[in-house]
Every structure is written in structure tokens, then in C-alpha cells.
mmCIF file of all heavy atoms, coordinates in Angstrom:
data_MODEL
# 
_entry.id   MODEL 
# 
loop_
_atom_site.group_PDB 
_atom_site.id 
_atom_site.type_symbol 
_atom_site.label_atom_id 
_atom_site.label_alt_id 
_atom_site.label_comp_id 
_atom_site.label_asym_id 
_atom_site.label_entity_id 
_atom_site.label_seq_id 
_atom_site.pdbx_PDB_ins_code 
_atom_site.Cartn_x 
_atom_site.Cartn_y 
_atom_site.Cartn_z 
_atom_site.occupancy 
_atom_site.B_iso_or_equiv 
_atom_site.pdbx_formal_charge 
_atom_site.auth_seq_id 
_atom_site.auth_comp_id 
_atom_site.auth_asym_id 
_atom_site.auth_atom_id 
_atom_site.pdbx_PDB_model_num 
ATOM 1   N N   . PRO A 1 1  ? -111.421 -59.201 -78.682 1.00 0.00 ? 1  PRO A N   1 
ATOM 2   C CA  . PRO A 1 1  ? -111.743 -60.154 -79.745 1.00 0.00 ? 1  PRO A CA  1 
ATOM 3   C C   . PRO A 1 1  ? -111.015 -59.787 -81.031 1.00 0.00 ? 1  PRO A C   1 
ATOM 4   O O   . PRO A 1 1  ? -110.535 -58.660 -81.186 1.00 0.00 ? 1  PRO A O   1 
ATOM 5   C CB  . PRO A 1 1  ? -113.262 -59.985 -79.911 1.00 0.00 ? 1  PRO A CB  1 
ATOM 6   C CG  . PRO A 1 1  ? -113.538 -58.600 -79.444 1.00 0.00 ? 1  PRO A CG  1 
ATOM 7   C CD  . PRO A 1 1  ? -112.537 -58.311 -78.359 1.00 0.00 ? 1  PRO A CD  1 
ATOM 8   N N   . TYR A 1 2  ? -110.925 -60.719 -81.950 1.00 0.00 ? 2  TYR A N   1 
ATOM 9   C CA  . TYR A 1 2  ? -110.270 -60.518 -83.244 1.00 0.00 ? 2  TYR A CA  1 
ATOM 10  C C   . TYR A 1 2  ? -108.791 -60.150 -83.073 1.00 0.00 ? 2  TYR A C   1 
ATOM 11  O O   . TYR A 1 2  ? -108.214 -59.482 -83.916 1.00 0.00 ? 2  TYR A O   1 
ATOM 12  C CB  . TYR A 1 2  ? -110.951 -59.407 -84.058 1.00 0.00 ? 2  TYR A CB  1 
ATOM 13  C CG  . TYR A 1 2  ? -112.447 -59.402 -83.998 1.00 0.00 ? 2  TYR A CG  1 
ATOM 14  C CD1 . TYR A 1 2  ? -113.128 -58.370 -83.379 1.00 0.00 ? 2  TYR A CD1 1 
ATOM 15  C CD2 . TYR A 1 2  ? -113.182 -60.441 -84.562 1.00 0.00 ? 2  TYR A CD2 1 
ATOM 16  C CE1 . TYR A 1 2  ? -114.518 -58.362 -83.327 1.00 0.00 ? 2  TYR A CE1 1 
ATOM 17  C CE2 . TYR A 1 2  ? -114.571 -60.431 -84.509 1.00 0.00 ? 2  TYR A CE2 1 
ATOM 18  C CZ  . TYR A 1 2  ? -115.228 -59.398 -83.887 1.00 0.00 ? 2  TYR A CZ  1 
ATOM 19  O OH  . TYR A 1 2  ? -116.597 -59.379 -83.827 1.00 0.00 ? 2  TYR A OH  1 
ATOM 20  N N   . ALA A 1 3  ? -108.171 -60.547 -81.981 1.00 0.00 ? 3  ALA A N   1 
ATOM 21  C CA  . ALA A 1 3  ? -106.766 -60.186 -81.742 1.00 0.00 ? 3  ALA A CA  1 
ATOM 22  C C   . ALA A 1 3  ? -106.002 -61.412 -81.281 1.00 0.00 ? 3  ALA A C   1 
ATOM 23  O O   . ALA A 1 3  ? -106.524 -62.248 -80.540 1.00 0.00 ? 3  ALA A O   1 
ATOM 24  C CB  . ALA A 1 3  ? -106.660 -59.078 -80.698 1.00 0.00 ? 3  ALA A CB  1 
ATOM 25  N N   . SER A 1 4  ? -104.757 -61.506 -81.715 1.00 0.00 ? 4  SER A N   1 
ATOM 26  C CA  . SER A 1 4  ? -103.909 -62.623 -81.291 1.00 0.00 ? 4  SER A CA  1 
ATOM 27  C C   . SER A 1 4  ? -103.165 -62.301 -80.004 1.00 0.00 ? 4  SER A C   1 
ATOM 28  O O   . SER A 1 4  ? -102.703 -63.196 -79.304 1.00 0.00 ? 4  SER A O   1 
ATOM 29  C CB  . SER A 1 4  ? -102.900 -62.964 -82.404 1.00 0.00 ? 4  SER A CB  1 
ATOM 30  O OG  . SER A 1 4  ? -102.122 -61.822 -82.732 1.00 0.00 ? 4  SER A OG  1 
ATOM 31  N N   . HIS A 1 5  ? -103.032 -61.003 -79.686 1.00 0.00 ? 5  HIS A N   1 
ATOM 32  C CA  . HIS A 1 5  ? -102.342 -60.590 -78.467 1.00 0.00 ? 5  HIS A CA  1 
ATOM 33  C C   . HIS A 1 5  ? -103.244 -59.639 -77.690 1.00 0.00 ? 5  HIS A C   1 
ATOM 34  O O   . HIS A 1 5  ? -103.865 -58.749 -78.272 1.00 0.00 ? 5  HIS A O   1 
ATOM 35  C CB  . HIS A 1 5  ? -101.023 -59.891 -78.806 1.00 0.00 ? 5  HIS A CB  1 
ATOM 36  C CG  . HIS A 1 5  ? -100.322 -59.311 -77.608 1.00 0.00 ? 5  HIS A CG  1 
ATOM 37  N ND1 . HIS A 1 5  ? -99.806  -60.099 -76.604 1.00 0.00 ? 5  HIS A ND1 1 
ATOM 38  C CD2 . HIS A 1 5  ? -100.073 -58.021 -77.255 1.00 0.00 ? 5  HIS A CD2 1 
ATOM 39  C CE1 . HIS A 1 5  ? -99.253  -59.320 -75.680 1.00 0.00 ? 5  HIS A CE1 1 
ATOM 40  N NE2 . HIS A 1 5  ? -99.405  -58.057 -76.055 1.00 0.00 ? 5  HIS A NE2 1 
ATOM 41  N N   . ASP A 1 6  ? -103.329 -59.835 -76.386 1.00 0.00 ? 6  ASP A N   1 
ATOM 42  C CA  . ASP A 1 6  ? -104.230 -59.031 -75.555 1.00 0.00 ? 6  ASP A CA  1 
ATOM 43  C C   . ASP A 1 6  ? -103.429 -58.307 -74.479 1.00 0.00 ? 6  ASP A C   1 
ATOM 44  O O   . ASP A 1 6  ? -103.240 -58.808 -73.373 1.00 0.00 ? 6  ASP A O   1 
ATOM 45  C CB  . ASP A 1 6  ? -105.289 -59.930 -74.923 1.00 0.00 ? 6  ASP A CB  1 
ATOM 46  C CG  . ASP A 1 6  ? -106.412 -59.146 -74.268 1.00 0.00 ? 6  ASP A CG  1 
ATOM 47  O OD1 . ASP A 1 6  ? -106.234 -57.934 -74.042 1.00 0.00 ? 6  ASP A OD1 1 
ATOM 48  O OD2 . ASP A 1 6  ? -107.463 -59.728 -73.986 1.00 0.00 ? 6  ASP A OD2 1 
ATOM 49  N N   . ALA A 1 7  ? -102.983 -57.106 -74.819 1.00 0.00 ? 7  ALA A N   1 
ATOM 50  C CA  . ALA A 1 7  ? -102.203 -56.316 -73.862 1.00 0.00 ? 7  ALA A CA  1 
ATOM 51  C C   . ALA A 1 7  ? -103.053 -55.877 -72.679 1.00 0.00 ? 7  ALA A C   1 
ATOM 52  O O   . ALA A 1 7  ? -102.558 -55.774 -71.547 1.00 0.00 ? 7  ALA A O   1 
ATOM 53  C CB  . ALA A 1 7  ? -101.613 -55.084 -74.565 1.00 0.00 ? 7  ALA A CB  1 
ATOM 54  N N   . LEU A 1 8  ? -104.336 -55.618 -72.911 1.00 0.00 ? 8  LEU A N   1 
ATOM 55  C CA  . LEU A 1 8  ? -105.212 -55.160 -71.825 1.00 0.00 ? 8  LEU A CA  1 
ATOM 56  C C   . LEU A 1 8  ? -105.370 -56.219 -70.749 1.00 0.00 ? 8  LEU A C   1 
ATOM 57  O O   . LEU A 1 8  ? -105.232 -55.934 -69.555 1.00 0.00 ? 8  LEU A O   1 
ATOM 58  C CB  . LEU A 1 8  ? -106.570 -54.762 -72.395 1.00 0.00 ? 8  LEU A CB  1 
ATOM 59  C CG  . LEU A 1 8  ? -107.634 -54.334 -71.380 1.00 0.00 ? 8  LEU A CG  1 
ATOM 60  C CD1 . LEU A 1 8  ? -107.144 -53.176 -70.532 1.00 0.00 ? 8  LEU A CD1 1 
ATOM 61  C CD2 . LEU A 1 8  ? -108.937 -53.983 -72.081 1.00 0.00 ? 8  LEU A CD2 1 
ATOM 62  N N   . ALA A 1 9  ? -105.659 -57.459 -71.146 1.00 0.00 ? 9  ALA A N   1 
ATOM 63  C CA  . ALA A 1 9  ? -105.796 -58.535 -70.165 1.00 0.00 ? 9  ALA A CA  1 
ATOM 64  C C   . ALA A 1 9  ? -104.495 -58.748 -69.399 1.00 0.00 ? 9  ALA A C   1 
ATOM 65  O O   . ALA A 1 9  ? -104.509 -58.996 -68.191 1.00 0.00 ? 9  ALA A O   1 
ATOM 66  C CB  . ALA A 1 9  ? -106.229 -59.825 -70.850 1.00 0.00 ? 9  ALA A CB  1 
ATOM 67  N N   . ALA A 1 10 ? -103.372 -58.621 -70.086 1.00 0.00 ? 10 ALA A N   1 
ATOM 68  C CA  . ALA A 1 10 ? -102.073 -58.788 -69.420 1.00 0.00 ? 10 ALA A CA  1 
ATOM 69  C C   . ALA A 1 10 ? -101.893 -57.743 -68.324 1.00 0.00 ? 10 ALA A C   1 
ATOM 70  O O   . ALA A 1 10 ? -101.423 -58.056 -67.212 1.00 0.00 ? 10 ALA A O   1 
ATOM 71  C CB  . ALA A 1 10 ? -100.945 -58.686 -70.441 1.00 0.00 ? 10 ALA A CB  1 
ATOM 72  N N   . HIS A 1 11 ? -102.258 -56.498 -68.595 1.00 0.00 ? 11 HIS A N   1 
ATOM 73  C CA  . HIS A 1 11 ? -102.146 -55.447 -67.582 1.00 0.00 ? 11 HIS A CA  1 
ATOM 74  C C   . HIS A 1 11 ? -103.094 -55.704 -66.416 1.00 0.00 ? 11 HIS A C   1 
ATOM 75  O O   . HIS A 1 11 ? -102.733 -55.493 -65.249 1.00 0.00 ? 11 HIS A O   1 
ATOM 76  C CB  . HIS A 1 11 ? -102.447 -54.078 -68.205 1.00 0.00 ? 11 HIS A CB  1 
ATOM 77  C CG  . HIS A 1 11 ? -101.330 -53.542 -69.052 1.00 0.00 ? 11 HIS A CG  1 
ATOM 78  N ND1 . HIS A 1 11 ? -100.069 -53.282 -68.538 1.00 0.00 ? 11 HIS A ND1 1 
ATOM 79  C CD2 . HIS A 1 11 ? -101.284 -53.208 -70.366 1.00 0.00 ? 11 HIS A CD2 1 
ATOM 80  C CE1 . HIS A 1 11 ? -99.299  -52.814 -69.507 1.00 0.00 ? 11 HIS A CE1 1 
ATOM 81  N NE2 . HIS A 1 11 ? -100.004 -52.765 -70.621 1.00 0.00 ? 11 HIS A NE2 1 
ATOM 82  N N   . ILE A 1 12 ? -104.303 -56.154 -66.718 1.00 0.00 ? 12 ILE A N   1 
ATOM 83  C CA  . ILE A 1 12 ? -105.275 -56.389 -65.647 1.00 0.00 ? 12 ILE A CA  1 
ATOM 84  C C   . ILE A 1 12 ? -104.830 -57.522 -64.746 1.00 0.00 ? 12 ILE A C   1 
ATOM 85  O O   . ILE A 1 12 ? -104.988 -57.455 -63.515 1.00 0.00 ? 12 ILE A O   1 
ATOM 86  C CB  . ILE A 1 12 ? -106.660 -56.671 -66.258 1.00 0.00 ? 12 ILE A CB  1 
ATOM 87  C CG1 . ILE A 1 12 ? -107.230 -55.379 -66.865 1.00 0.00 ? 12 ILE A CG1 1 
ATOM 88  C CG2 . ILE A 1 12 ? -107.623 -57.233 -65.212 1.00 0.00 ? 12 ILE A CG2 1 
ATOM 89  C CD1 . ILE A 1 12 ? -108.528 -55.562 -67.604 1.00 0.00 ? 12 ILE A CD1 1 
ATOM 90  N N   . TRP A 1 13 ? -104.231 -58.576 -65.319 1.00 0.00 ? 13 TRP A N   1 
ATOM 91  C CA  . TRP A 1 13 ? -103.744 -59.665 -64.481 1.00 0.00 ? 13 TRP A CA  1 
ATOM 92  C C   . TRP A 1 13 ? -102.595 -59.202 -63.594 1.00 0.00 ? 13 TRP A C   1 
ATOM 93  O O   . TRP A 1 13 ? -102.455 -59.667 -62.465 1.00 0.00 ? 13 TRP A O   1 
ATOM 94  C CB  . TRP A 1 13 ? -103.306 -60.849 -65.344 1.00 0.00 ? 13 TRP A CB  1 
ATOM 95  C CG  . TRP A 1 13 ? -104.439 -61.691 -65.836 1.00 0.00 ? 13 TRP A CG  1 
ATOM 96  C CD1 . TRP A 1 13 ? -104.791 -61.927 -67.134 1.00 0.00 ? 13 TRP A CD1 1 
ATOM 97  C CD2 . TRP A 1 13 ? -105.383 -62.410 -65.039 1.00 0.00 ? 13 TRP A CD2 1 
ATOM 98  N NE1 . TRP A 1 13 ? -105.895 -62.737 -67.205 1.00 0.00 ? 13 TRP A NE1 1 
ATOM 99  C CE2 . TRP A 1 13 ? -106.283 -63.053 -65.925 1.00 0.00 ? 13 TRP A CE2 1 
ATOM 100 C CE3 . TRP A 1 13 ? -105.570 -62.569 -63.668 1.00 0.00 ? 13 TRP A CE3 1 
ATOM 101 C CZ2 . TRP A 1 13 ? -107.337 -63.843 -65.482 1.00 0.00 ? 13 TRP A CZ2 1 
ATOM 102 C CZ3 . TRP A 1 13 ? -106.631 -63.350 -63.218 1.00 0.00 ? 13 TRP A CZ3 1 
ATOM 103 C CH2 . TRP A 1 13 ? -107.485 -63.977 -64.121 1.00 0.00 ? 13 TRP A CH2 1 
ATOM 104 N N   . ARG A 1 14 ? -101.780 -58.280 -64.085 1.00 0.00 ? 14 ARG A N   1 
ATOM 105 C CA  . ARG A 1 14 ? -100.646 -57.800 -63.281 1.00 0.00 ? 14 ARG A CA  1 
ATOM 106 C C   . ARG A 1 14 ? -101.066 -56.769 -62.237 1.00 0.00 ? 14 ARG A C   1 
ATOM 107 O O   . ARG A 1 14 ? -100.542 -56.770 -61.115 1.00 0.00 ? 14 ARG A O   1 
ATOM 108 C CB  . ARG A 1 14 ? -99.578  -57.185 -64.191 1.00 0.00 ? 14 ARG A CB  1 
ATOM 109 C CG  . ARG A 1 14 ? -98.770  -58.188 -64.982 1.00 0.00 ? 14 ARG A CG  1 
ATOM 110 C CD  . ARG A 1 14 ? -97.494  -57.563 -65.529 1.00 0.00 ? 14 ARG A CD  1 
ATOM 111 N NE  . ARG A 1 14 ? -97.787  -56.450 -66.430 1.00 0.00 ? 14 ARG A NE  1 
ATOM 112 C CZ  . ARG A 1 14 ? -97.898  -56.556 -67.753 1.00 0.00 ? 14 ARG A CZ  1 
ATOM 113 N NH1 . ARG A 1 14 ? -97.768  -57.757 -68.318 1.00 0.00 ? 14 ARG A NH1 1 
ATOM 114 N NH2 . ARG A 1 14 ? -98.143  -55.524 -68.514 1.00 0.00 ? 14 ARG A NH2 1 
ATOM 115 N N   . GLU A 1 15 ? -101.994 -55.875 -62.597 1.00 0.00 ? 15 GLU A N   1 
ATOM 116 C CA  . GLU A 1 15 ? -102.283 -54.720 -61.755 1.00 0.00 ? 15 GLU A CA  1 
ATOM 117 C C   . GLU A 1 15 ? -103.685 -54.705 -61.173 1.00 0.00 ? 15 GLU A C   1 
ATOM 118 O O   . GLU A 1 15 ? -103.995 -53.865 -60.328 1.00 0.00 ? 15 GLU A O   1 
ATOM 119 C CB  . GLU A 1 15 ? -102.097 -53.434 -62.579 1.00 0.00 ? 15 GLU A CB  1 
ATOM 120 C CG  . GLU A 1 15 ? -100.743 -53.334 -63.262 1.00 0.00 ? 15 GLU A CG  1 
ATOM 121 C CD  . GLU A 1 15 ? -100.824 -52.552 -64.567 1.00 0.00 ? 15 GLU A CD  1 
ATOM 122 O OE1 . GLU A 1 15 ? -101.864 -51.876 -64.789 1.00 0.00 ? 15 GLU A OE1 1 
ATOM 123 O OE2 . GLU A 1 15 ? -99.874  -52.612 -65.361 1.00 0.00 ? 15 GLU A OE2 1 
ATOM 124 N N   . GLY A 1 16 ? -104.546 -55.598 -61.632 1.00 0.00 ? 16 GLY A N   1 
ATOM 125 C CA  . GLY A 1 16 ? -105.932 -55.543 -61.222 1.00 0.00 ? 16 GLY A CA  1 
ATOM 126 C C   . GLY A 1 16 ? -106.702 -54.552 -62.095 1.00 0.00 ? 16 GLY A C   1 
ATOM 127 O O   . GLY A 1 16 ? -106.164 -53.955 -63.022 1.00 0.00 ? 16 GLY A O   1 
ATOM 128 N N   . MET A 1 17 ? -107.969 -54.361 -61.771 1.00 0.00 ? 17 MET A N   1 
ATOM 129 C CA  . MET A 1 17 ? -108.812 -53.466 -62.549 1.00 0.00 ? 17 MET A CA  1 
ATOM 130 C C   . MET A 1 17 ? -108.653 -52.041 -62.019 1.00 0.00 ? 17 MET A C   1 
ATOM 131 O O   . MET A 1 17 ? -109.524 -51.498 -61.332 1.00 0.00 ? 17 MET A O   1 
ATOM 132 C CB  . MET A 1 17 ? -110.268 -53.917 -62.500 1.00 0.00 ? 17 MET A CB  1 
ATOM 133 C CG  . MET A 1 17 ? -111.146 -53.263 -63.552 1.00 0.00 ? 17 MET A CG  1 
ATOM 134 S SD  . MET A 1 17 ? -110.691 -53.672 -65.259 1.00 0.00 ? 17 MET A SD  1 
ATOM 135 C CE  . MET A 1 17 ? -111.613 -55.204 -65.505 1.00 0.00 ? 17 MET A CE  1 
ATOM 136 N N   . SER A 1 18 ? -107.526 -51.430 -62.331 1.00 0.00 ? 18 SER A N   1 
ATOM 137 C CA  . SER A 1 18 ? -107.280 -50.041 -61.950 1.00 0.00 ? 18 SER A CA  1 
ATOM 138 C C   . SER A 1 18 ? -108.244 -49.133 -62.709 1.00 0.00 ? 18 SER A C   1 
ATOM 139 O O   . SER A 1 18 ? -108.860 -49.548 -63.699 1.00 0.00 ? 18 SER A O   1 
ATOM 140 C CB  . SER A 1 18 ? -105.844 -49.658 -62.279 1.00 0.00 ? 18 SER A CB  1 
ATOM 141 O OG  . SER A 1 18 ? -105.644 -49.653 -63.688 1.00 0.00 ? 18 SER A OG  1 
ATOM 142 N N   . PRO A 1 19 ? -108.423 -47.873 -62.282 1.00 0.00 ? 19 PRO A N   1 
ATOM 143 C CA  . PRO A 1 19 ? -109.309 -46.961 -63.022 1.00 0.00 ? 19 PRO A CA  1 
ATOM 144 C C   . PRO A 1 19 ? -108.947 -46.851 -64.503 1.00 0.00 ? 19 PRO A C   1 
ATOM 145 O O   . PRO A 1 19 ? -109.833 -46.828 -65.363 1.00 0.00 ? 19 PRO A O   1 
ATOM 146 C CB  . PRO A 1 19 ? -109.125 -45.631 -62.298 1.00 0.00 ? 19 PRO A CB  1 
ATOM 147 C CG  . PRO A 1 19 ? -108.783 -46.016 -60.891 1.00 0.00 ? 19 PRO A CG  1 
ATOM 148 C CD  . PRO A 1 19 ? -107.936 -47.253 -61.031 1.00 0.00 ? 19 PRO A CD  1 
ATOM 149 N N   . GLU A 1 20 ? -107.655 -46.794 -64.809 1.00 0.00 ? 20 GLU A N   1 
ATOM 150 C CA  . GLU A 1 20 ? -107.225 -46.669 -66.204 1.00 0.00 ? 20 GLU A CA  1 
ATOM 151 C C   . GLU A 1 20 ? -107.554 -47.937 -66.989 1.00 0.00 ? 20 GLU A C   1 
ATOM 152 O O   . GLU A 1 20 ? -108.042 -47.875 -68.127 1.00 0.00 ? 20 GLU A O   1 
ATOM 153 C CB  . GLU A 1 20 ? -105.727 -46.374 -66.276 1.00 0.00 ? 20 GLU A CB  1 
ATOM 154 C CG  . GLU A 1 20 ? -105.329 -45.038 -65.676 1.00 0.00 ? 20 GLU A CG  1 
ATOM 155 C CD  . GLU A 1 20 ? -105.297 -45.037 -64.157 1.00 0.00 ? 20 GLU A CD  1 
ATOM 156 O OE1 . GLU A 1 20 ? -105.196 -46.134 -63.562 1.00 0.00 ? 20 GLU A OE1 1 
ATOM 157 O OE2 . GLU A 1 20 ? -105.398 -43.943 -63.560 1.00 0.00 ? 20 GLU A OE2 1 
ATOM 158 N N   . ASN A 1 21 ? -107.305 -49.103 -66.369 1.00 0.00 ? 21 ASN A N   1 
ATOM 159 C CA  . ASN A 1 21 ? -107.640 -50.365 -67.038 1.00 0.00 ? 21 ASN A CA  1 
ATOM 160 C C   . ASN A 1 21 ? -109.142 -50.526 -67.207 1.00 0.00 ? 21 ASN A C   1 
ATOM 161 O O   . ASN A 1 21 ? -109.613 -51.028 -68.231 1.00 0.00 ? 21 ASN A O   1 
ATOM 162 C CB  . ASN A 1 21 ? -107.082 -51.549 -66.248 1.00 0.00 ? 21 ASN A CB  1 
ATOM 163 C CG  . ASN A 1 21 ? -105.563 -51.639 -66.342 1.00 0.00 ? 21 ASN A CG  1 
ATOM 164 O OD1 . ASN A 1 21 ? -104.955 -51.097 -67.269 1.00 0.00 ? 21 ASN A OD1 1 
ATOM 165 N ND2 . ASN A 1 21 ? -104.951 -52.317 -65.387 1.00 0.00 ? 21 ASN A ND2 1 
ATOM 166 N N   . LEU A 1 22 ? -109.900 -50.085 -66.190 1.00 0.00 ? 22 LEU A N   1 
ATOM 167 C CA  . LEU A 1 22 ? -111.362 -50.197 -66.279 1.00 0.00 ? 22 LEU A CA  1 
ATOM 168 C C   . LEU A 1 22 ? -111.913 -49.321 -67.396 1.00 0.00 ? 22 LEU A C   1 
ATOM 169 O O   . LEU A 1 22 ? -112.760 -49.773 -68.182 1.00 0.00 ? 22 LEU A O   1 
ATOM 170 C CB  . LEU A 1 22 ? -111.999 -49.808 -64.941 1.00 0.00 ? 22 LEU A CB  1 
ATOM 171 C CG  . LEU A 1 22 ? -113.538 -49.793 -64.924 1.00 0.00 ? 22 LEU A CG  1 
ATOM 172 C CD1 . LEU A 1 22 ? -114.105 -51.163 -65.275 1.00 0.00 ? 22 LEU A CD1 1 
ATOM 173 C CD2 . LEU A 1 22 ? -114.055 -49.319 -63.569 1.00 0.00 ? 22 LEU A CD2 1 
ATOM 174 N N   . LEU A 1 23 ? -111.437 -48.088 -67.492 1.00 0.00 ? 23 LEU A N   1 
ATOM 175 C CA  . LEU A 1 23 ? -111.939 -47.209 -68.551 1.00 0.00 ? 23 LEU A CA  1 
ATOM 176 C C   . LEU A 1 23 ? -111.608 -47.770 -69.929 1.00 0.00 ? 23 LEU A C   1 
ATOM 177 O O   . LEU A 1 23 ? -112.458 -47.756 -70.833 1.00 0.00 ? 23 LEU A O   1 
ATOM 178 C CB  . LEU A 1 23 ? -111.347 -45.801 -68.403 1.00 0.00 ? 23 LEU A CB  1 
ATOM 179 C CG  . LEU A 1 23 ? -111.793 -44.799 -69.469 1.00 0.00 ? 23 LEU A CG  1 
ATOM 180 C CD1 . LEU A 1 23 ? -113.307 -44.621 -69.449 1.00 0.00 ? 23 LEU A CD1 1 
ATOM 181 C CD2 . LEU A 1 23 ? -111.097 -43.458 -69.290 1.00 0.00 ? 23 LEU A CD2 1 
ATOM 182 N N   . LEU A 1 24 ? -110.404 -48.287 -70.095 1.00 0.00 ? 24 LEU A N   1 
ATOM 183 C CA  . LEU A 1 24 ? -110.040 -48.859 -71.387 1.00 0.00 ? 24 LEU A CA  1 
ATOM 184 C C   . LEU A 1 24 ? -110.892 -50.083 -71.687 1.00 0.00 ? 24 LEU A C   1 
ATOM 185 O O   . LEU A 1 24 ? -111.339 -50.279 -72.831 1.00 0.00 ? 24 LEU A O   1 
ATOM 186 C CB  . LEU A 1 24 ? -108.554 -49.221 -71.408 1.00 0.00 ? 24 LEU A CB  1 
ATOM 187 C CG  . LEU A 1 24 ? -108.006 -49.698 -72.755 1.00 0.00 ? 24 LEU A CG  1 
ATOM 188 C CD1 . LEU A 1 24 ? -108.277 -48.678 -73.857 1.00 0.00 ? 24 LEU A CD1 1 
ATOM 189 C CD2 . LEU A 1 24 ? -106.503 -49.972 -72.648 1.00 0.00 ? 24 LEU A CD2 1 
ATOM 190 N N   . TYR A 1 25 ? -111.152 -50.902 -70.681 1.00 0.00 ? 25 TYR A N   1 
ATOM 191 C CA  . TYR A 1 25 ? -112.014 -52.072 -70.885 1.00 0.00 ? 25 TYR A CA  1 
ATOM 192 C C   . TYR A 1 25 ? -113.428 -51.650 -71.269 1.00 0.00 ? 25 TYR A C   1 
ATOM 193 O O   . TYR A 1 25 ? -114.050 -52.266 -72.151 1.00 0.00 ? 25 TYR A O   1 
ATOM 194 C CB  . TYR A 1 25 ? -112.057 -52.925 -69.619 1.00 0.00 ? 25 TYR A CB  1 
ATOM 195 C CG  . TYR A 1 25 ? -113.105 -54.003 -69.671 1.00 0.00 ? 25 TYR A CG  1 
ATOM 196 C CD1 . TYR A 1 25 ? -113.050 -55.017 -70.619 1.00 0.00 ? 25 TYR A CD1 1 
ATOM 197 C CD2 . TYR A 1 25 ? -114.178 -53.992 -68.780 1.00 0.00 ? 25 TYR A CD2 1 
ATOM 198 C CE1 . TYR A 1 25 ? -114.028 -55.998 -70.680 1.00 0.00 ? 25 TYR A CE1 1 
ATOM 199 C CE2 . TYR A 1 25 ? -115.158 -54.968 -68.833 1.00 0.00 ? 25 TYR A CE2 1 
ATOM 200 C CZ  . TYR A 1 25 ? -115.079 -55.962 -69.785 1.00 0.00 ? 25 TYR A CZ  1 
ATOM 201 O OH  . TYR A 1 25 ? -116.052 -56.920 -69.849 1.00 0.00 ? 25 TYR A OH  1 
ATOM 202 N N   . LEU A 1 26 ? -113.962 -50.604 -70.643 1.00 0.00 ? 26 LEU A N   1 
ATOM 203 C CA  . LEU A 1 26 ? -115.307 -50.144 -70.981 1.00 0.00 ? 26 LEU A CA  1 
ATOM 204 C C   . LEU A 1 26 ? -115.359 -49.572 -72.397 1.00 0.00 ? 26 LEU A C   1 
ATOM 205 O O   . LEU A 1 26 ? -116.368 -49.723 -73.095 1.00 0.00 ? 26 LEU A O   1 
ATOM 206 C CB  . LEU A 1 26 ? -115.768 -49.097 -69.964 1.00 0.00 ? 26 LEU A CB  1 
ATOM 207 C CG  . LEU A 1 26 ? -116.002 -49.629 -68.546 1.00 0.00 ? 26 LEU A CG  1 
ATOM 208 C CD1 . LEU A 1 26 ? -116.351 -48.482 -67.598 1.00 0.00 ? 26 LEU A CD1 1 
ATOM 209 C CD2 . LEU A 1 26 ? -117.086 -50.695 -68.515 1.00 0.00 ? 26 LEU A CD2 1 
ATOM 210 N N   . CYS A 1 27 ? -114.287 -48.915 -72.818 1.00 0.00 ? 27 CYS A N   1 
ATOM 211 C CA  . CYS A 1 27 ? -114.216 -48.457 -74.206 1.00 0.00 ? 27 CYS A CA  1 
ATOM 212 C C   . CYS A 1 27 ? -114.186 -49.649 -75.160 1.00 0.00 ? 27 CYS A C   1 
ATOM 213 O O   . CYS A 1 27 ? -114.886 -49.656 -76.187 1.00 0.00 ? 27 CYS A O   1 
ATOM 214 C CB  . CYS A 1 27 ? -112.981 -47.580 -74.413 1.00 0.00 ? 27 CYS A CB  1 
ATOM 215 S SG  . CYS A 1 27 ? -113.060 -45.945 -73.634 1.00 0.00 ? 27 CYS A SG  1 
# 
């Protein structure tokens, strides 16, 4: 939220919810 660009969502769409993406999302 409060962002015009979402690098995290872009990675998740490309790679799925990997452990690294999941931890960053939980943070």
C-alpha cells in the first residue's frame, strides 16, 4: 500500500510464493 510500484507482487507473479517472497510478504 501507499506505493506506485510493487516489486514484491511482480516477483510473486513470476516465481510464486517462494520462502523468500513469503517472508518478505509477512514482514
